[in-house]
Amino acid sequence: MNEALTLRGVVRTFRSGDAPLPVLRGADLDVQAGEIVALVAPSGTGKSTLLHLAGLLEKPDGGRVLIGGRDAGALSDAERTAVRRDSIGFVYQFHHLLGEFTALENVVLPQMIAGRRRAAAEGRARTLLEAFGLGARARHLPGRLSGGEQQRVAIARALANAPRVLLADEPTGNLDVGTAAAVFAELLDAVRNHGVAALIATHNPDLAARMDRTVTLHEGRVVAL
C-alpha cells in the first residue's frame, strides 16, 4: 500500500452555546497515491471539517492525520505550514485566483513562495497551463477568462508544487454541466499522471461515479458507498 493521506480515529467537536456538537467521531480514511476518492454527503455532516483536518488547516481533538506517513500531530506549527505548502494542494468551488495577476503568475506564485526560482517556476506553470489547454491564455488576467478556464488555472495552481495530496471542495459546483465534465476530466488525468492522492467533495453523482470509489459520512465516521 502507498497511502499518501491517512486519517485514524479523527475526532472533532465544536460547541453550540454550552453544549458540545460532535462532528467527527473517530473517522478513518486512507487515500493512496494515484487514487481519486469522492466524498459525498449531505451539507452539515462534516465534509468541510474533514477536508480542513486532512489539509492541516485545523487540528483534530483526537486521532491522527498522516501525510505520506508523517504524523502531522507531531509537527510544530512551522512544520505544518511547510507540509501544507509543499505536500497539499487545495481547490475550492470558487477559484480564489488573484485578480491582479495573470493566469501564469497565479501558478508561479506558490512555487516562488516555496523557494523555486522564477524561471523554473514559470516553466512549470506554462507546462501545467498547456496541459489544461490554457497555453494561449497564460498572460490573461482572471477577469478575461471563463469560469471553466479560471477553475483550470486554480487546479494548475494546486498542482504547482507537486503535492502528495489534492483536496477539492465542490471544484466543479460553480460550472455548467458540460464545462464541469471537461474540467473534471482534466483533473482526473492530472491526478493519474502525477500520482497524486485526491479527495474530492462533490454533490454531483455523475462525477462521483467516475472516481475510484465513493465514501460518505455517517454519524461522524467515514463509510464506503
C-alpha atoms as a PDB file:
ATOM      1  CA  MET A   1       0.000   0.000   0.000  1.00  0.00           C
ATOM      2  CA  ASN A   2       1.118   3.553  -0.687  1.00  0.00           C
ATOM      3  CA  GLU A   3      -1.140   5.748   1.418  1.00  0.00           C
ATOM      4  CA  ALA A   4      -0.448   9.441   0.879  1.00  0.00           C
ATOM      5  CA  LEU A   5      -3.282  10.526   3.187  1.00  0.00           C
ATOM      6  CA  THR A   6      -4.297   8.638   6.320  1.00  0.00           C
ATOM      7  CA  LEU A   7      -6.835   9.545   8.989  1.00  0.00           C
ATOM      8  CA  ARG A   8      -7.033   7.375  12.083  1.00  0.00           C
ATOM      9  CA  GLY A   9      -9.722   7.809  14.730  1.00  0.00           C
ATOM     10  CA  VAL A  10     -10.105  11.504  13.973  1.00  0.00           C
ATOM     11  CA  VAL A  11     -12.372  13.379  16.376  1.00  0.00           C
ATOM     12  CA  ARG A  12     -13.590  16.968  16.016  1.00  0.00           C
ATOM     13  CA  THR A  13     -16.117  18.620  18.306  1.00  0.00           C
ATOM     14  CA  PHE A  14     -17.425  22.174  18.196  1.00  0.00           C
ATOM     15  CA  ARG A  15     -19.586  23.983  20.705  1.00  0.00           C
ATOM     16  CA  SER A  16     -23.108  25.309  20.276  1.00  0.00           C
ATOM     17  CA  GLY A  17     -23.570  27.618  23.238  1.00  0.00           C
ATOM     18  CA  ASP A  18     -22.619  25.485  26.228  1.00  0.00           C
ATOM     19  CA  ALA A  19     -23.376  22.196  24.504  1.00  0.00           C
ATOM     20  CA  PRO A  20     -20.767  20.122  22.639  1.00  0.00           C
ATOM     21  CA  LEU A  21     -21.504  19.484  18.963  1.00  0.00           C
ATOM     22  CA  PRO A  22     -19.645  16.363  17.792  1.00  0.00           C
ATOM     23  CA  VAL A  23     -18.929  16.439  14.049  1.00  0.00           C
ATOM     24  CA  LEU A  24     -16.356  13.673  13.572  1.00  0.00           C
ATOM     25  CA  ARG A  25     -16.381  10.742  15.997  1.00  0.00           C
ATOM     26  CA  GLY A  26     -13.443   8.549  15.089  1.00  0.00           C
ATOM     27  CA  ALA A  27     -13.132   8.967  11.308  1.00  0.00           C
ATOM     28  CA  ASP A  28     -10.768   6.617   9.457  1.00  0.00           C
ATOM     29  CA  LEU A  29      -9.701   7.074   5.832  1.00  0.00           C
ATOM     30  CA  ASP A  30      -6.844   6.039   3.530  1.00  0.00           C
ATOM     31  CA  VAL A  31      -6.214   7.548   0.102  1.00  0.00           C
ATOM     32  CA  GLN A  32      -3.387   6.104  -1.965  1.00  0.00           C
ATOM     33  CA  ALA A  33      -1.100   7.810  -4.447  1.00  0.00           C
ATOM     34  CA  GLY A  34      -2.795   7.962  -7.854  1.00  0.00           C
ATOM     35  CA  GLU A  35      -6.226   7.320  -6.345  1.00  0.00           C
ATOM     36  CA  ILE A  36      -9.169   9.710  -6.567  1.00  0.00           C
ATOM     37  CA  VAL A  37     -11.891   9.323  -3.923  1.00  0.00           C
ATOM     38  CA  ALA A  38     -15.288  11.004  -3.945  1.00  0.00           C
ATOM     39  CA  LEU A  39     -16.636  12.340  -0.658  1.00  0.00           C
ATOM     40  CA  VAL A  40     -20.416  12.570  -0.998  1.00  0.00           C
ATOM     41  CA  ALA A  41     -22.532  13.550   1.994  1.00  0.00           C
ATOM     42  CA  PRO A  42     -25.339  15.987   2.850  1.00  0.00           C
ATOM     43  CA  SER A  43     -24.480  19.510   3.949  1.00  0.00           C
ATOM     44  CA  GLY A  44     -23.796  19.779   7.654  1.00  0.00           C
ATOM     45  CA  THR A  45     -22.374  16.289   8.088  1.00  0.00           C
ATOM     46  CA  GLY A  46     -18.737  17.397   8.329  1.00  0.00           C
ATOM     47  CA  LYS A  47     -17.336  17.271   4.767  1.00  0.00           C
ATOM     48  CA  SER A  48     -15.596  20.637   5.015  1.00  0.00           C
ATOM     49  CA  THR A  49     -14.340  19.823   8.512  1.00  0.00           C
ATOM     50  CA  LEU A  50     -12.857  16.571   7.230  1.00  0.00           C
ATOM     51  CA  LEU A  51     -11.133  18.383   4.351  1.00  0.00           C
ATOM     52  CA  HIS A  52      -9.785  21.079   6.686  1.00  0.00           C
ATOM     53  CA  LEU A  53      -8.337  18.440   9.002  1.00  0.00           C
ATOM     54  CA  ALA A  54      -6.873  16.452   6.103  1.00  0.00           C
ATOM     55  CA  GLY A  55      -5.326  19.673   4.789  1.00  0.00           C
ATOM     56  CA  LEU A  56      -3.853  20.587   8.198  1.00  0.00           C
ATOM     57  CA  LEU A  57      -5.908  23.773   8.325  1.00  0.00           C
ATOM     58  CA  GLU A  58      -7.369  22.596  11.645  1.00  0.00           C
ATOM     59  CA  LYS A  59      -6.138  20.239  14.340  1.00  0.00           C
ATOM     60  CA  PRO A  60      -8.286  17.302  15.440  1.00  0.00           C
ATOM     61  CA  ASP A  61      -9.415  16.965  19.025  1.00  0.00           C
ATOM     62  CA  GLY A  62      -8.308  13.334  18.848  1.00  0.00           C
ATOM     63  CA  GLY A  63      -6.844  10.838  16.422  1.00  0.00           C
ATOM     64  CA  ARG A  64      -4.104  11.231  13.848  1.00  0.00           C
ATOM     65  CA  VAL A  65      -3.668  12.774  10.403  1.00  0.00           C
ATOM     66  CA  LEU A  66      -0.716  11.466   8.390  1.00  0.00           C
ATOM     67  CA  ILE A  67       0.601  12.901   5.129  1.00  0.00           C
ATOM     68  CA  GLY A  68       2.913  10.493   3.353  1.00  0.00           C
ATOM     69  CA  GLY A  69       3.189   8.502   6.586  1.00  0.00           C
ATOM     70  CA  ARG A  70       4.243  11.563   8.569  1.00  0.00           C
ATOM     71  CA  ASP A  71       2.105  12.234  11.636  1.00  0.00           C
ATOM     72  CA  ALA A  72       1.048  15.891  11.495  1.00  0.00           C
ATOM     73  CA  GLY A  73       0.220  15.865  15.200  1.00  0.00           C
ATOM     74  CA  ALA A  74       3.907  15.590  15.990  1.00  0.00           C
ATOM     75  CA  LEU A  75       4.814  18.649  13.918  1.00  0.00           C
ATOM     76  CA  SER A  76       5.347  22.229  15.033  1.00  0.00           C
ATOM     77  CA  ASP A  77       3.198  24.996  13.538  1.00  0.00           C
ATOM     78  CA  ALA A  78       6.057  25.943  11.200  1.00  0.00           C
ATOM     79  CA  GLU A  79       6.438  22.336  10.061  1.00  0.00           C
ATOM     80  CA  ARG A  80       2.687  22.011   9.464  1.00  0.00           C
ATOM     81  CA  THR A  81       2.820  25.160   7.333  1.00  0.00           C
ATOM     82  CA  ALA A  82       5.675  23.673   5.307  1.00  0.00           C
ATOM     83  CA  VAL A  83       3.729  20.428   4.749  1.00  0.00           C
ATOM     84  CA  ARG A  84       0.666  22.385   3.583  1.00  0.00           C
ATOM     85  CA  ARG A  85       2.816  24.404   1.192  1.00  0.00           C
ATOM     86  CA  ASP A  86       4.857  21.543  -0.233  1.00  0.00           C
ATOM     87  CA  SER A  87       2.654  18.456   0.037  1.00  0.00           C
ATOM     88  CA  ILE A  88      -1.003  19.539  -0.148  1.00  0.00           C
ATOM     89  CA  GLY A  89      -2.919  21.229  -2.949  1.00  0.00           C
ATOM     90  CA  PHE A  90      -6.337  22.835  -2.451  1.00  0.00           C
ATOM     91  CA  VAL A  91      -9.114  23.501  -4.978  1.00  0.00           C
ATOM     92  CA  TYR A  92     -12.381  25.157  -3.974  1.00  0.00           C
ATOM     93  CA  GLN A  93     -15.742  25.741  -5.648  1.00  0.00           C
ATOM     94  CA  PHE A  94     -14.757  29.379  -6.169  1.00  0.00           C
ATOM     95  CA  HIS A  95     -11.342  29.631  -7.759  1.00  0.00           C
ATOM     96  CA  HIS A  96      -9.904  32.351  -5.449  1.00  0.00           C
ATOM     97  CA  LEU A  97      -7.426  33.487  -8.109  1.00  0.00           C
ATOM     98  CA  LEU A  98      -5.567  36.751  -7.523  1.00  0.00           C
ATOM     99  CA  GLY A  99      -7.297  39.124  -9.889  1.00  0.00           C
ATOM    100  CA  GLU A 100      -4.366  41.471 -10.396  1.00  0.00           C
ATOM    101  CA  PHE A 101      -2.081  38.659 -11.590  1.00  0.00           C
ATOM    102  CA  THR A 102      -2.174  36.736 -14.863  1.00  0.00           C
ATOM    103  CA  ALA A 103      -3.009  33.054 -15.082  1.00  0.00           C
ATOM    104  CA  LEU A 104       0.692  32.307 -15.389  1.00  0.00           C
ATOM    105  CA  GLU A 105       1.560  34.430 -12.359  1.00  0.00           C
ATOM    106  CA  ASN A 106      -1.150  32.768 -10.277  1.00  0.00           C
ATOM    107  CA  VAL A 107       0.555  29.420 -10.886  1.00  0.00           C
ATOM    108  CA  VAL A 108       4.059  30.842 -10.441  1.00  0.00           C
ATOM    109  CA  LEU A 109       3.460  32.494  -7.049  1.00  0.00           C
ATOM    110  CA  PRO A 110       3.043  29.388  -4.849  1.00  0.00           C
ATOM    111  CA  GLN A 111       6.197  27.943  -6.360  1.00  0.00           C
ATOM    112  CA  MET A 112       8.224  31.053  -5.568  1.00  0.00           C
ATOM    113  CA  ILE A 113       6.845  31.078  -2.025  1.00  0.00           C
ATOM    114  CA  ALA A 114       8.168  27.513  -1.763  1.00  0.00           C
ATOM    115  CA  GLY A 115      11.619  28.736  -2.855  1.00  0.00           C
ATOM    116  CA  ARG A 116      11.700  27.890  -6.565  1.00  0.00           C
ATOM    117  CA  ARG A 117      13.495  30.331  -8.843  1.00  0.00           C
ATOM    118  CA  ARG A 118      11.239  32.396 -11.084  1.00  0.00           C
ATOM    119  CA  ALA A 119      12.483  30.941 -14.369  1.00  0.00           C
ATOM    120  CA  ALA A 120      11.880  27.372 -13.199  1.00  0.00           C
ATOM    121  CA  ALA A 121       8.521  28.333 -11.708  1.00  0.00           C
ATOM    122  CA  GLU A 122       7.416  29.932 -14.981  1.00  0.00           C
ATOM    123  CA  GLY A 123       8.496  26.865 -16.924  1.00  0.00           C
ATOM    124  CA  ARG A 124       6.435  24.544 -14.738  1.00  0.00           C
ATOM    125  CA  ALA A 125       3.493  26.963 -14.782  1.00  0.00           C
ATOM    126  CA  ARG A 126       3.490  27.020 -18.585  1.00  0.00           C
ATOM    127  CA  THR A 127       3.662  23.212 -18.711  1.00  0.00           C
ATOM    128  CA  LEU A 128       0.681  22.880 -16.374  1.00  0.00           C
ATOM    129  CA  LEU A 129      -1.378  25.520 -18.151  1.00  0.00           C
ATOM    130  CA  GLU A 130      -0.696  23.909 -21.514  1.00  0.00           C
ATOM    131  CA  ALA A 131      -1.768  20.542 -20.085  1.00  0.00           C
ATOM    132  CA  PHE A 132      -5.085  22.156 -19.158  1.00  0.00           C
ATOM    133  CA  GLY A 133      -5.475  23.704 -22.609  1.00  0.00           C
ATOM    134  CA  LEU A 134      -4.605  27.220 -21.428  1.00  0.00           C
ATOM    135  CA  GLY A 135      -1.260  27.842 -23.079  1.00  0.00           C
ATOM    136  CA  ALA A 136      -2.697  30.670 -25.164  1.00  0.00           C
ATOM    137  CA  ARG A 137      -4.411  32.214 -22.119  1.00  0.00           C
ATOM    138  CA  ALA A 138      -1.392  32.300 -19.804  1.00  0.00           C
ATOM    139  CA  ARG A 139      -0.994  36.088 -19.991  1.00  0.00           C
ATOM    140  CA  HIS A 140      -4.671  36.826 -19.393  1.00  0.00           C
ATOM    141  CA  LEU A 141      -5.980  38.196 -16.117  1.00  0.00           C
ATOM    142  CA  PRO A 142      -8.659  36.059 -14.420  1.00  0.00           C
ATOM    143  CA  GLY A 143     -11.333  38.590 -15.349  1.00  0.00           C
ATOM    144  CA  ARG A 144     -10.740  37.786 -19.015  1.00  0.00           C
ATOM    145  CA  LEU A 145     -11.127  34.032 -18.509  1.00  0.00           C
ATOM    146  CA  SER A 146     -14.318  31.988 -18.496  1.00  0.00           C
ATOM    147  CA  GLY A 147     -15.452  30.199 -15.341  1.00  0.00           C
ATOM    148  CA  GLY A 148     -14.113  26.896 -16.616  1.00  0.00           C
ATOM    149  CA  GLU A 149     -10.787  28.463 -17.548  1.00  0.00           C
ATOM    150  CA  GLN A 150     -10.484  30.079 -14.131  1.00  0.00           C
ATOM    151  CA  GLN A 151     -11.075  26.740 -12.433  1.00  0.00           C
ATOM    152  CA  ARG A 152      -8.472  25.092 -14.666  1.00  0.00           C
ATOM    153  CA  VAL A 153      -5.967  27.724 -13.532  1.00  0.00           C
ATOM    154  CA  ALA A 154      -6.925  27.014  -9.914  1.00  0.00           C
ATOM    155  CA  ILE A 155      -6.265  23.301 -10.412  1.00  0.00           C
ATOM    156  CA  ALA A 156      -2.932  24.042 -12.108  1.00  0.00           C
ATOM    157  CA  ARG A 157      -2.037  26.268  -9.146  1.00  0.00           C
ATOM    158  CA  ALA A 158      -2.943  23.471  -6.719  1.00  0.00           C
ATOM    159  CA  LEU A 159      -0.610  21.096  -8.580  1.00  0.00           C
ATOM    160  CA  ALA A 160       2.206  23.622  -8.963  1.00  0.00           C
ATOM    161  CA  ASN A 161       4.310  22.361  -6.049  1.00  0.00           C
ATOM    162  CA  ALA A 162       3.797  18.683  -6.968  1.00  0.00           C
ATOM    163  CA  PRO A 163       1.730  17.867  -3.860  1.00  0.00           C
ATOM    164  CA  ARG A 164       1.262  14.375  -2.482  1.00  0.00           C
ATOM    165  CA  VAL A 165      -2.379  15.142  -1.690  1.00  0.00           C
ATOM    166  CA  LEU A 166      -5.017  17.133  -3.572  1.00  0.00           C
ATOM    167  CA  LEU A 167      -8.126  18.215  -1.653  1.00  0.00           C
ATOM    168  CA  ALA A 168     -11.066  19.707  -3.519  1.00  0.00           C
ATOM    169  CA  ASP A 169     -14.354  21.050  -2.174  1.00  0.00           C
ATOM    170  CA  GLU A 170     -17.014  21.094  -4.931  1.00  0.00           C
ATOM    171  CA  PRO A 171     -14.413  22.041  -7.581  1.00  0.00           C
ATOM    172  CA  THR A 172     -16.958  21.984 -10.410  1.00  0.00           C
ATOM    173  CA  GLY A 173     -20.002  23.104  -8.434  1.00  0.00           C
ATOM    174  CA  ASN A 174     -19.957  26.576  -9.957  1.00  0.00           C
ATOM    175  CA  LEU A 175     -19.759  25.380 -13.579  1.00  0.00           C
ATOM    176  CA  ASP A 176     -22.330  24.278 -16.140  1.00  0.00           C
ATOM    177  CA  VAL A 177     -22.663  20.548 -16.800  1.00  0.00           C
ATOM    178  CA  GLY A 178     -20.547  20.427 -19.942  1.00  0.00           C
ATOM    179  CA  THR A 179     -17.744  22.573 -18.559  1.00  0.00           C
ATOM    180  CA  ALA A 180     -17.785  20.653 -15.263  1.00  0.00           C
ATOM    181  CA  ALA A 181     -17.308  17.366 -17.108  1.00  0.00           C
ATOM    182  CA  ALA A 182     -14.408  18.758 -19.150  1.00  0.00           C
ATOM    183  CA  VAL A 183     -12.673  20.282 -16.127  1.00  0.00           C
ATOM    184  CA  PHE A 184     -13.098  17.077 -14.130  1.00  0.00           C
ATOM    185  CA  ALA A 185     -11.643  15.003 -16.974  1.00  0.00           C
ATOM    186  CA  GLU A 186      -8.523  17.168 -16.916  1.00  0.00           C
ATOM    187  CA  LEU A 187      -8.354  16.975 -13.122  1.00  0.00           C
ATOM    188  CA  LEU A 188      -8.606  13.181 -13.255  1.00  0.00           C
ATOM    189  CA  ASP A 189      -5.889  12.986 -15.887  1.00  0.00           C
ATOM    190  CA  ALA A 190      -3.597  15.215 -13.803  1.00  0.00           C
ATOM    191  CA  VAL A 191      -4.103  13.055 -10.696  1.00  0.00           C
ATOM    192  CA  ARG A 192      -3.265   9.906 -12.641  1.00  0.00           C
ATOM    193  CA  ASN A 193      -0.239  11.402 -14.395  1.00  0.00           C
ATOM    194  CA  HIS A 194       1.269  12.907 -11.255  1.00  0.00           C
ATOM    195  CA  GLY A 195       0.446  10.091  -8.810  1.00  0.00           C
ATOM    196  CA  VAL A 196      -1.453  12.441  -6.515  1.00  0.00           C
ATOM    197  CA  ALA A 197      -3.865  11.178  -3.849  1.00  0.00           C
ATOM    198  CA  ALA A 198      -7.098  13.129  -4.359  1.00  0.00           C
ATOM    199  CA  LEU A 199     -10.098  13.534  -2.061  1.00  0.00           C
ATOM    200  CA  ILE A 200     -12.924  15.349  -3.843  1.00  0.00           C
ATOM    201  CA  ALA A 201     -16.081  16.532  -2.085  1.00  0.00           C
ATOM    202  CA  THR A 202     -18.944  16.714  -4.556  1.00  0.00           C
ATOM    203  CA  HIS A 203     -22.715  16.589  -4.782  1.00  0.00           C
ATOM    204  CA  ASN A 204     -22.530  15.517  -8.432  1.00  0.00           C
ATOM    205  CA  PRO A 205     -23.300  11.769  -8.706  1.00  0.00           C
ATOM    206  CA  ASP A 206     -22.050  11.598 -12.291  1.00  0.00           C
ATOM    207  CA  LEU A 207     -18.620  12.894 -11.281  1.00  0.00           C
ATOM    208  CA  ALA A 208     -18.534  10.659  -8.204  1.00  0.00           C
ATOM    209  CA  ALA A 209     -19.223   7.641 -10.421  1.00  0.00           C
ATOM    210  CA  ARG A 210     -16.070   8.417 -12.436  1.00  0.00           C
ATOM    211  CA  MET A 211     -13.831   8.255  -9.375  1.00  0.00           C
ATOM    212  CA  ASP A 212     -12.176   5.134  -7.978  1.00  0.00           C
ATOM    213  CA  ARG A 213     -14.544   4.847  -5.041  1.00  0.00           C
ATOM    214  CA  THR A 214     -17.027   6.873  -3.048  1.00  0.00           C
ATOM    215  CA  VAL A 215     -17.234   7.435   0.693  1.00  0.00           C
ATOM    216  CA  THR A 216     -19.705   9.320   2.842  1.00  0.00           C
ATOM    217  CA  LEU A 217     -20.017  10.471   6.445  1.00  0.00           C
ATOM    218  CA  HIS A 218     -22.432   8.740   8.777  1.00  0.00           C
ATOM    219  CA  GLU A 219     -22.669   9.634  12.454  1.00  0.00           C
ATOM    220  CA  GLY A 220     -19.236  11.205  12.337  1.00  0.00           C
ATOM    221  CA  ARG A 221     -17.436   8.312  10.659  1.00  0.00           C
ATOM    222  CA  VAL A 222     -16.273   7.652   7.098  1.00  0.00           C
ATOM    223  CA  VAL A 223     -18.131   4.772   5.440  1.00  0.00           C
ATOM    224  CA  ALA A 224     -17.984   3.356   1.922  1.00  0.00           C
ATOM    225  CA  LEU A 225     -20.839   3.754  -0.530  1.00  0.00           C
END
